[in-house]
Amino acid sequence: MIRVVIPFHLRTLAKITGEVQLDVPAPVTQRAVLDALEARYPMLRGTIRDHVTKERRAFLRFFACEQDLSNESPDTPLPEAVASGTEPYLIIGALAGG
């Protein structure tokens, strides 16, 4: 069971309270987690990744085990702690400006 934490505005859109728990088949990658999340909550399609290119939206970042995975390949396996459900996969809203 993979644990996923998403930003408040996306939880509101999907009517989710707290973190999401997903069954993701091995290998557990960012792509597999996001595919499972969008399959379970179709209203999130296009909010985290572009509809066509499947690239991360500009103001979202992906973290696991205190590591920024935002620029990693979406097919790189996630850390074992995330794959086992010990640690959550975090989707964080990024801020810009000064």
PDB file of N, CA and C in Angstrom:
ATOM      1  N   MET A   1       0.851  -1.173   0.000  1.00  0.00           N
ATOM      2  CA  MET A   1       0.000   0.000   0.000  1.00  0.00           C
ATOM      3  C   MET A   1       0.896   1.236   0.000  1.00  0.00           C
ATOM      4  N   ILE A   2       0.746   2.074  -0.996  1.00  0.00           N
ATOM      5  CA  ILE A   2       1.520   3.303  -1.119  1.00  0.00           C
ATOM      6  C   ILE A   2       0.725   4.437  -0.484  1.00  0.00           C
ATOM      7  N   ARG A   3       1.395   5.245   0.306  1.00  0.00           N
ATOM      8  CA  ARG A   3       0.770   6.417   0.928  1.00  0.00           C
ATOM      9  C   ARG A   3       1.157   7.650   0.126  1.00  0.00           C
ATOM     10  N   VAL A   4       0.154   8.459  -0.242  1.00  0.00           N
ATOM     11  CA  VAL A   4       0.395   9.657  -1.046  1.00  0.00           C
ATOM     12  C   VAL A   4      -0.236  10.856  -0.343  1.00  0.00           C
ATOM     13  N   VAL A   5       0.538  11.918  -0.214  1.00  0.00           N
ATOM     14  CA  VAL A   5       0.048  13.169   0.351  1.00  0.00           C
ATOM     15  C   VAL A   5       0.010  14.182  -0.774  1.00  0.00           C
ATOM     16  N   ILE A   6      -1.156  14.800  -0.974  1.00  0.00           N
ATOM     17  CA  ILE A   6      -1.298  15.794  -2.038  1.00  0.00           C
ATOM     18  C   ILE A   6      -1.663  17.145  -1.433  1.00  0.00           C
ATOM     19  N   PRO A   7      -1.444  18.242  -2.178  1.00  0.00           N
ATOM     20  CA  PRO A   7      -1.748  19.578  -1.661  1.00  0.00           C
ATOM     21  C   PRO A   7      -3.233  19.752  -1.324  1.00  0.00           C
ATOM     22  N   PHE A   8      -3.493  20.666  -0.417  1.00  0.00           N
ATOM     23  CA  PHE A   8      -4.846  20.919   0.080  1.00  0.00           C
ATOM     24  C   PHE A   8      -5.833  21.196  -1.050  1.00  0.00           C
ATOM     25  N   HIS A   9      -5.457  22.054  -2.007  1.00  0.00           N
ATOM     26  CA  HIS A   9      -6.407  22.409  -3.070  1.00  0.00           C
ATOM     27  C   HIS A   9      -6.771  21.192  -3.935  1.00  0.00           C
ATOM     28  N   LEU A  10      -5.848  20.263  -4.112  1.00  0.00           N
ATOM     29  CA  LEU A  10      -6.166  19.053  -4.871  1.00  0.00           C
ATOM     30  C   LEU A  10      -6.982  18.070  -4.031  1.00  0.00           C
ATOM     31  N   ARG A  11      -6.734  18.037  -2.725  1.00  0.00           N
ATOM     32  CA  ARG A  11      -7.575  17.205  -1.846  1.00  0.00           C
ATOM     33  C   ARG A  11      -9.006  17.726  -1.868  1.00  0.00           C
ATOM     34  N   THR A  12      -9.171  19.036  -1.862  1.00  0.00           N
ATOM     35  CA  THR A  12     -10.503  19.634  -1.918  1.00  0.00           C
ATOM     36  C   THR A  12     -11.194  19.269  -3.233  1.00  0.00           C
ATOM     37  N   LEU A  13     -10.480  19.373  -4.337  1.00  0.00           N
ATOM     38  CA  LEU A  13     -11.037  19.041  -5.653  1.00  0.00           C
ATOM     39  C   LEU A  13     -11.502  17.582  -5.708  1.00  0.00           C
ATOM     40  N   ALA A  14     -10.705  16.686  -5.122  1.00  0.00           N
ATOM     41  CA  ALA A  14     -11.021  15.258  -5.173  1.00  0.00           C
ATOM     42  C   ALA A  14     -11.867  14.796  -3.985  1.00  0.00           C
ATOM     43  N   LYS A  15     -12.199  15.728  -3.083  1.00  0.00           N
ATOM     44  CA  LYS A  15     -12.980  15.409  -1.882  1.00  0.00           C
ATOM     45  C   LYS A  15     -12.289  14.325  -1.045  1.00  0.00           C
ATOM     46  N   ILE A  16     -10.992  14.560  -0.799  1.00  0.00           N
ATOM     47  CA  ILE A  16     -10.160  13.649  -0.018  1.00  0.00           C
ATOM     48  C   ILE A  16      -9.836  14.315   1.312  1.00  0.00           C
ATOM     49  N   THR A  17      -9.875  13.539   2.378  1.00  0.00           N
ATOM     50  CA  THR A  17      -9.396  14.047   3.662  1.00  0.00           C
ATOM     51  C   THR A  17      -8.176  13.228   4.046  1.00  0.00           C
ATOM     52  N   GLY A  18      -7.089  13.892   4.361  1.00  0.00           N
ATOM     53  CA  GLY A  18      -5.871  13.185   4.749  1.00  0.00           C
ATOM     54  C   GLY A  18      -5.114  12.629   3.558  1.00  0.00           C
ATOM     55  N   GLU A  19      -4.286  11.633   3.842  1.00  0.00           N
ATOM     56  CA  GLU A  19      -3.485  11.052   2.777  1.00  0.00           C
ATOM     57  C   GLU A  19      -4.257   9.958   2.043  1.00  0.00           C
ATOM     58  N   VAL A  20      -3.799   9.655   0.847  1.00  0.00           N
ATOM     59  CA  VAL A  20      -4.416   8.635   0.003  1.00  0.00           C
ATOM     60  C   VAL A  20      -3.589   7.357   0.116  1.00  0.00           C
ATOM     61  N   GLN A  21      -4.247   6.224   0.156  1.00  0.00           N
ATOM     62  CA  GLN A  21      -3.552   4.939   0.137  1.00  0.00           C
ATOM     63  C   GLN A  21      -3.929   4.213  -1.142  1.00  0.00           C
ATOM     64  N   LEU A  22      -2.914   3.803  -1.890  1.00  0.00           N
ATOM     65  CA  LEU A  22      -3.117   3.183  -3.202  1.00  0.00           C
ATOM     66  C   LEU A  22      -2.401   1.856  -3.296  1.00  0.00           C
ATOM     67  N   ASP A  23      -3.013   0.924  -3.997  1.00  0.00           N
ATOM     68  CA  ASP A  23      -2.337  -0.322  -4.363  1.00  0.00           C
ATOM     69  C   ASP A  23      -1.662  -0.074  -5.698  1.00  0.00           C
ATOM     70  N   VAL A  24      -0.349  -0.175  -5.716  1.00  0.00           N
ATOM     71  CA  VAL A  24       0.419   0.057  -6.934  1.00  0.00           C
ATOM     72  C   VAL A  24       1.251  -1.192  -7.208  1.00  0.00           C
ATOM     73  N   PRO A  25       1.088  -1.783  -8.390  1.00  0.00           N
ATOM     74  CA  PRO A  25       1.878  -2.979  -8.702  1.00  0.00           C
ATOM     75  C   PRO A  25       3.364  -2.630  -8.883  1.00  0.00           C
ATOM     76  N   ALA A  26       4.219  -3.604  -8.612  1.00  0.00           N
ATOM     77  CA  ALA A  26       5.662  -3.406  -8.801  1.00  0.00           C
ATOM     78  C   ALA A  26       5.963  -3.348 -10.291  1.00  0.00           C
ATOM     79  N   PRO A  27       6.952  -2.613 -10.710  1.00  0.00           N
ATOM     80  CA  PRO A  27       7.812  -1.766  -9.900  1.00  0.00           C
ATOM     81  C   PRO A  27       7.102  -0.460  -9.542  1.00  0.00           C
ATOM     82  N   VAL A  28       7.319   0.005  -8.322  1.00  0.00           N
ATOM     83  CA  VAL A  28       6.686   1.232  -7.849  1.00  0.00           C
ATOM     84  C   VAL A  28       7.521   2.418  -8.322  1.00  0.00           C
ATOM     85  N   THR A  29       6.978   3.146  -9.286  1.00  0.00           N
ATOM     86  CA  THR A  29       7.647   4.321  -9.846  1.00  0.00           C
ATOM     87  C   THR A  29       6.727   5.523  -9.690  1.00  0.00           C
ATOM     88  N   GLN A  30       7.266   6.714  -9.947  1.00  0.00           N
ATOM     89  CA  GLN A  30       6.425   7.904  -9.897  1.00  0.00           C
ATOM     90  C   GLN A  30       5.282   7.789 -10.905  1.00  0.00           C
ATOM     91  N   ARG A  31       5.592   7.296 -12.095  1.00  0.00           N
ATOM     92  CA  ARG A  31       4.562   7.158 -13.128  1.00  0.00           C
ATOM     93  C   ARG A  31       3.446   6.216 -12.659  1.00  0.00           C
ATOM     94  N   ALA A  32       3.830   5.085 -12.062  1.00  0.00           N
ATOM     95  CA  ALA A  32       2.841   4.114 -11.599  1.00  0.00           C
ATOM     96  C   ALA A  32       1.969   4.689 -10.491  1.00  0.00           C
ATOM     97  N   VAL A  33       2.571   5.438  -9.577  1.00  0.00           N
ATOM     98  CA  VAL A  33       1.813   6.051  -8.479  1.00  0.00           C
ATOM     99  C   VAL A  33       0.846   7.094  -9.031  1.00  0.00           C
ATOM    100  N   LEU A  34       1.323   7.951  -9.925  1.00  0.00           N
ATOM    101  CA  LEU A  34       0.451   8.992 -10.481  1.00  0.00           C
ATOM    102  C   LEU A  34      -0.640   8.395 -11.368  1.00  0.00           C
ATOM    103  N   ASP A  35      -0.326   7.341 -12.105  1.00  0.00           N
ATOM    104  CA  ASP A  35      -1.354   6.658 -12.904  1.00  0.00           C
ATOM    105  C   ASP A  35      -2.442   6.103 -11.999  1.00  0.00           C
ATOM    106  N   ALA A  36      -2.047   5.466 -10.885  1.00  0.00           N
ATOM    107  CA  ALA A  36      -3.020   4.897  -9.939  1.00  0.00           C
ATOM    108  C   ALA A  36      -3.844   5.995  -9.274  1.00  0.00           C
ATOM    109  N   LEU A  37      -3.189   7.098  -8.934  1.00  0.00           N
ATOM    110  CA  LEU A  37      -3.895   8.221  -8.298  1.00  0.00           C
ATOM    111  C   LEU A  37      -4.928   8.810  -9.251  1.00  0.00           C
ATOM    112  N   GLU A  38      -4.544   9.025 -10.509  1.00  0.00           N
ATOM    113  CA  GLU A  38      -5.474   9.598 -11.486  1.00  0.00           C
ATOM    114  C   GLU A  38      -6.583   8.612 -11.866  1.00  0.00           C
ATOM    115  N   ALA A  39      -6.297   7.323 -11.820  1.00  0.00           N
ATOM    116  CA  ALA A  39      -7.333   6.329 -12.114  1.00  0.00           C
ATOM    117  C   ALA A  39      -8.384   6.319 -11.001  1.00  0.00           C
ATOM    118  N   ARG A  40      -7.948   6.437  -9.768  1.00  0.00           N
ATOM    119  CA  ARG A  40      -8.880   6.427  -8.632  1.00  0.00           C
ATOM    120  C   ARG A  40      -9.626   7.744  -8.499  1.00  0.00           C
ATOM    121  N   TYR A  41      -8.951   8.843  -8.811  1.00  0.00           N
ATOM    122  CA  TYR A  41      -9.555  10.177  -8.712  1.00  0.00           C
ATOM    123  C   TYR A  41      -9.435  10.864 -10.077  1.00  0.00           C
ATOM    124  N   PRO A  42     -10.327  10.557 -11.011  1.00  0.00           N
ATOM    125  CA  PRO A  42     -10.226  11.102 -12.375  1.00  0.00           C
ATOM    126  C   PRO A  42     -10.251  12.626 -12.435  1.00  0.00           C
ATOM    127  N   MET A  43     -10.842  13.260 -11.425  1.00  0.00           N
ATOM    128  CA  MET A  43     -10.881  14.723 -11.432  1.00  0.00           C
ATOM    129  C   MET A  43      -9.493  15.338 -11.271  1.00  0.00           C
ATOM    130  N   LEU A  44      -8.491  14.547 -10.898  1.00  0.00           N
ATOM    131  CA  LEU A  44      -7.124  15.043 -10.749  1.00  0.00           C
ATOM    132  C   LEU A  44      -6.331  14.981 -12.056  1.00  0.00           C
ATOM    133  N   ARG A  45      -6.888  14.323 -13.082  1.00  0.00           N
ATOM    134  CA  ARG A  45      -6.178  14.248 -14.364  1.00  0.00           C
ATOM    135  C   ARG A  45      -5.951  15.655 -14.905  1.00  0.00           C
ATOM    136  N   GLY A  46      -4.725  15.927 -15.256  1.00  0.00           N
ATOM    137  CA  GLY A  46      -4.370  17.239 -15.789  1.00  0.00           C
ATOM    138  C   GLY A  46      -3.988  18.254 -14.726  1.00  0.00           C
ATOM    139  N   THR A  47      -4.190  17.942 -13.464  1.00  0.00           N
ATOM    140  CA  THR A  47      -3.834  18.896 -12.410  1.00  0.00           C
ATOM    141  C   THR A  47      -2.416  18.675 -11.889  1.00  0.00           C
ATOM    142  N   ILE A  48      -1.943  17.450 -11.935  1.00  0.00           N
ATOM    143  CA  ILE A  48      -0.608  17.114 -11.448  1.00  0.00           C
ATOM    144  C   ILE A  48       0.358  16.988 -12.621  1.00  0.00           C
ATOM    145  N   ARG A  49      -0.128  16.398 -13.709  1.00  0.00           N
ATOM    146  CA  ARG A  49       0.667  16.233 -14.932  1.00  0.00           C
ATOM    147  C   ARG A  49      -0.136  16.751 -16.110  1.00  0.00           C
ATOM    148  N   ASP A  50       0.576  17.189 -17.124  1.00  0.00           N
ATOM    149  CA  ASP A  50      -0.064  17.626 -18.361  1.00  0.00           C
ATOM    150  C   ASP A  50      -0.811  16.446 -18.983  1.00  0.00           C
ATOM    151  N   HIS A  51      -1.989  16.716 -19.554  1.00  0.00           N
ATOM    152  CA  HIS A  51      -2.812  15.662 -20.166  1.00  0.00           C
ATOM    153  C   HIS A  51      -2.070  14.901 -21.265  1.00  0.00           C
ATOM    154  N   VAL A  52      -1.355  15.622 -22.103  1.00  0.00           N
ATOM    155  CA  VAL A  52      -0.744  15.014 -23.282  1.00  0.00           C
ATOM    156  C   VAL A  52       0.673  14.507 -23.007  1.00  0.00           C
ATOM    157  N   THR A  53       1.527  15.374 -22.487  1.00  0.00           N
ATOM    158  CA  THR A  53       2.939  15.015 -22.313  1.00  0.00           C
ATOM    159  C   THR A  53       3.203  14.215 -21.042  1.00  0.00           C
ATOM    160  N   LYS A  54       2.280  14.250 -20.080  1.00  0.00           N
ATOM    161  CA  LYS A  54       2.427  13.582 -18.784  1.00  0.00           C
ATOM    162  C   LYS A  54       3.585  14.144 -17.963  1.00  0.00           C
ATOM    163  N   GLU A  55       4.038  15.376 -18.302  1.00  0.00           N
ATOM    164  CA  GLU A  55       5.096  16.020 -17.533  1.00  0.00           C
ATOM    165  C   GLU A  55       4.499  16.742 -16.336  1.00  0.00           C
ATOM    166  N   ARG A  56       5.293  16.828 -15.279  1.00  0.00           N
ATOM    167  CA  ARG A  56       4.888  17.477 -14.033  1.00  0.00           C
ATOM    168  C   ARG A  56       4.500  18.942 -14.292  1.00  0.00           C
ATOM    169  N   ARG A  57       3.426  19.377 -13.641  1.00  0.00           N
ATOM    170  CA  ARG A  57       3.032  20.783 -13.715  1.00  0.00           C
ATOM    171  C   ARG A  57       4.100  21.636 -13.038  1.00  0.00           C
ATOM    172  N   ALA A  58       4.252  22.850 -13.506  1.00  0.00           N
ATOM    173  CA  ALA A  58       5.362  23.716 -13.085  1.00  0.00           C
ATOM    174  C   ALA A  58       5.412  23.974 -11.581  1.00  0.00           C
ATOM    175  N   PHE A  59       4.303  24.152 -10.934  1.00  0.00           N
ATOM    176  CA  PHE A  59       4.331  24.533  -9.519  1.00  0.00           C
ATOM    177  C   PHE A  59       4.014  23.375  -8.583  1.00  0.00           C
ATOM    178  N   LEU A  60       4.360  22.179  -9.005  1.00  0.00           N
ATOM    179  CA  LEU A  60       4.263  21.011  -8.139  1.00  0.00           C
ATOM    180  C   LEU A  60       5.622  20.338  -8.066  1.00  0.00           C
ATOM    181  N   ARG A  61       5.953  19.824  -6.889  1.00  0.00           N
ATOM    182  CA  ARG A  61       7.210  19.112  -6.680  1.00  0.00           C
ATOM    183  C   ARG A  61       6.892  17.749  -6.085  1.00  0.00           C
ATOM    184  N   PHE A  62       7.740  16.766  -6.357  1.00  0.00           N
ATOM    185  CA  PHE A  62       7.564  15.405  -5.853  1.00  0.00           C
ATOM    186  C   PHE A  62       8.709  15.068  -4.895  1.00  0.00           C
ATOM    187  N   PHE A  63       8.359  14.556  -3.719  1.00  0.00           N
ATOM    188  CA  PHE A  63       9.360  14.201  -2.719  1.00  0.00           C
ATOM    189  C   PHE A  63       9.101  12.800  -2.181  1.00  0.00           C
ATOM    190  N   ALA A  64      10.193  12.127  -1.799  1.00  0.00           N
ATOM    191  CA  ALA A  64      10.122  10.839  -1.119  1.00  0.00           C
ATOM    192  C   ALA A  64      11.375  10.705  -0.266  1.00  0.00           C
ATOM    193  N   CYS A  65      11.189  10.331   0.982  1.00  0.00           N
ATOM    194  CA  CYS A  65      12.321  10.120   1.898  1.00  0.00           C
ATOM    195  C   CYS A  65      13.247  11.335   1.942  1.00  0.00           C
ATOM    196  N   GLU A  66      12.655  12.517   2.020  1.00  0.00           N
ATOM    197  CA  GLU A  66      13.367  13.796   2.103  1.00  0.00           C
ATOM    198  C   GLU A  66      14.222  14.099   0.876  1.00  0.00           C
ATOM    199  N   GLN A  67      13.918  13.472  -0.248  1.00  0.00           N
ATOM    200  CA  GLN A  67      14.632  13.723  -1.494  1.00  0.00           C
ATOM    201  C   GLN A  67      13.675  14.325  -2.515  1.00  0.00           C
ATOM    202  N   ASP A  68      14.141  15.352  -3.212  1.00  0.00           N
ATOM    203  CA  ASP A  68      13.351  15.954  -4.279  1.00  0.00           C
ATOM    204  C   ASP A  68      13.486  15.090  -5.526  1.00  0.00           C
ATOM    205  N   LEU A  69      12.388  14.491  -5.938  1.00  0.00           N
ATOM    206  CA  LEU A  69      12.383  13.614  -7.113  1.00  0.00           C
ATOM    207  C   LEU A  69      11.754  14.286  -8.327  1.00  0.00           C
ATOM    208  N   SER A  70      11.519  15.579  -8.243  1.00  0.00           N
ATOM    209  CA  SER A  70      10.781  16.298  -9.277  1.00  0.00           C
ATOM    210  C   SER A  70      11.409  16.190 -10.655  1.00  0.00           C
ATOM    211  N   ASN A  71      12.723  16.163 -10.725  1.00  0.00           N
ATOM    212  CA  ASN A  71      13.404  16.128 -12.020  1.00  0.00           C
ATOM    213  C   ASN A  71      13.933  14.744 -12.370  1.00  0.00           C
ATOM    214  N   GLU A  72      13.606  13.746 -11.565  1.00  0.00           N
ATOM    215  CA  GLU A  72      14.013  12.368 -11.852  1.00  0.00           C
ATOM    216  C   GLU A  72      13.122  11.790 -12.947  1.00  0.00           C
ATOM    217  N   SER A  73      13.599  10.758 -13.580  1.00  0.00           N
ATOM    218  CA  SER A  73      12.795  10.066 -14.581  1.00  0.00           C
ATOM    219  C   SER A  73      11.554   9.483 -13.897  1.00  0.00           C
ATOM    220  N   PRO A  74      10.381   9.616 -14.516  1.00  0.00           N
ATOM    221  CA  PRO A  74       9.174   9.066 -13.894  1.00  0.00           C
ATOM    222  C   PRO A  74       9.177   7.545 -13.796  1.00  0.00           C
ATOM    223  N   ASP A  75      10.122   6.894 -14.464  1.00  0.00           N
ATOM    224  CA  ASP A  75      10.192   5.437 -14.433  1.00  0.00           C
ATOM    225  C   ASP A  75      11.261   4.892 -13.488  1.00  0.00           C
ATOM    226  N   THR A  76      11.923   5.786 -12.755  1.00  0.00           N
ATOM    227  CA  THR A  76      12.894   5.360 -11.751  1.00  0.00           C
ATOM    228  C   THR A  76      12.137   4.793 -10.555  1.00  0.00           C
ATOM    229  N   PRO A  77      12.517   3.613 -10.072  1.00  0.00           N
ATOM    230  CA  PRO A  77      11.831   3.048  -8.899  1.00  0.00           C
ATOM    231  C   PRO A  77      11.938   3.973  -7.687  1.00  0.00           C
ATOM    232  N   LEU A  78      10.848   4.070  -6.946  1.00  0.00           N
ATOM    233  CA  LEU A  78      10.834   4.876  -5.725  1.00  0.00           C
ATOM    234  C   LEU A  78      11.569   4.133  -4.616  1.00  0.00           C
ATOM    235  N   PRO A  79      12.048   4.862  -3.594  1.00  0.00           N
ATOM    236  CA  PRO A  79      12.742   4.198  -2.487  1.00  0.00           C
ATOM    237  C   PRO A  79      11.880   3.112  -1.840  1.00  0.00           C
ATOM    238  N   GLU A  80      12.532   2.101  -1.295  1.00  0.00           N
ATOM    239  CA  GLU A  80      11.845   0.959  -0.675  1.00  0.00           C
ATOM    240  C   GLU A  80      10.908   1.405   0.440  1.00  0.00           C
ATOM    241  N   ALA A  81      11.294   2.440   1.189  1.00  0.00           N
ATOM    242  CA  ALA A  81      10.434   2.920   2.280  1.00  0.00           C
ATOM    243  C   ALA A  81       9.094   3.429   1.749  1.00  0.00           C
ATOM    244  N   VAL A  82       9.077   3.994   0.557  1.00  0.00           N
ATOM    245  CA  VAL A  82       7.827   4.448  -0.059  1.00  0.00           C
ATOM    246  C   VAL A  82       7.075   3.252  -0.623  1.00  0.00           C
ATOM    247  N   ALA A  83       7.781   2.366  -1.302  1.00  0.00           N
ATOM    248  CA  ALA A  83       7.143   1.186  -1.902  1.00  0.00           C
ATOM    249  C   ALA A  83       6.502   0.291  -0.854  1.00  0.00           C
ATOM    250  N   SER A  84       7.065   0.265   0.353  1.00  0.00           N
ATOM    251  CA  SER A  84       6.519  -0.580   1.429  1.00  0.00           C
ATOM    252  C   SER A  84       5.443   0.133   2.243  1.00  0.00           C
ATOM    253  N   GLY A  85       5.274   1.440   2.011  1.00  0.00           N
ATOM    254  CA  GLY A  85       4.264   2.189   2.746  1.00  0.00           C
ATOM    255  C   GLY A  85       4.753   2.775   4.056  1.00  0.00           C
ATOM    256  N   THR A  86       6.035   2.611   4.355  1.00  0.00           N
ATOM    257  CA  THR A  86       6.598   3.167   5.583  1.00  0.00           C
ATOM    258  C   THR A  86       6.638   4.690   5.517  1.00  0.00           C
ATOM    259  N   GLU A  87       7.059   5.215   4.374  1.00  0.00           N
ATOM    260  CA  GLU A  87       7.142   6.660   4.152  1.00  0.00           C
ATOM    261  C   GLU A  87       6.155   7.054   3.055  1.00  0.00           C
ATOM    262  N   PRO A  88       5.593   8.269   3.129  1.00  0.00           N
ATOM    263  CA  PRO A  88       4.668   8.698   2.075  1.00  0.00           C
ATOM    264  C   PRO A  88       5.398   9.279   0.867  1.00  0.00           C
ATOM    265  N   TYR A  89       4.724   9.252  -0.262  1.00  0.00           N
ATOM    266  CA  TYR A  89       5.149   9.961  -1.472  1.00  0.00           C
ATOM    267  C   TYR A  89       4.445  11.303  -1.392  1.00  0.00           C
ATOM    268  N   LEU A  90       5.206  12.399  -1.460  1.00  0.00           N
ATOM    269  CA  LEU A  90       4.648  13.731  -1.262  1.00  0.00           C
ATOM    270  C   LEU A  90       4.564  14.502  -2.567  1.00  0.00           C
ATOM    271  N   ILE A  91       3.414  15.076  -2.825  1.00  0.00           N
ATOM    272  CA  ILE A  91       3.222  16.007  -3.932  1.00  0.00           C
ATOM    273  C   ILE A  91       2.990  17.361  -3.272  1.00  0.00           C
ATOM    274  N   ILE A  92       3.918  18.269  -3.474  1.00  0.00           N
ATOM    275  CA  ILE A  92       3.931  19.537  -2.755  1.00  0.00           C
ATOM    276  C   ILE A  92       3.723  20.691  -3.733  1.00  0.00           C
ATOM    277  N   GLY A  93       2.901  21.656  -3.350  1.00  0.00           N
ATOM    278  CA  GLY A  93       2.746  22.870  -4.152  1.00  0.00           C
ATOM    279  C   GLY A  93       3.963  23.749  -3.943  1.00  0.00           C
ATOM    280  N   ALA A  94       4.603  24.160  -5.049  1.00  0.00           N
ATOM    281  CA  ALA A  94       5.792  25.008  -4.975  1.00  0.00           C
ATOM    282  C   ALA A  94       5.379  26.476  -5.006  1.00  0.00           C
ATOM    283  N   LEU A  95       6.236  27.314  -4.470  1.00  0.00           N
ATOM    284  CA  LEU A  95       5.994  28.747  -4.433  1.00  0.00           C
ATOM    285  C   LEU A  95       7.014  29.454  -5.290  1.00  0.00           C
ATOM    286  N   ALA A  96       6.633  30.570  -5.863  1.00  0.00           N
ATOM    287  CA  ALA A  96       7.563  31.370  -6.651  1.00  0.00           C
ATOM    288  C   ALA A  96       7.388  32.834  -6.232  1.00  0.00           C
ATOM    289  N   GLY A  97       8.381  33.595  -6.523  1.00  0.00           N
ATOM    290  CA  GLY A  97       8.302  35.015  -6.205  1.00  0.00           C
ATOM    291  C   GLY A  97       9.379  35.401  -5.224  1.00  0.00           C
ATOM    292  N   GLY A  98       9.279  36.597  -4.756  1.00  0.00           N
ATOM    293  CA  GLY A  98      10.346  37.023  -3.860  1.00  0.00           C
ATOM    294  C   GLY A  98       9.912  38.093  -2.920  1.00  0.00           C
TER     295      GLY A  98
END
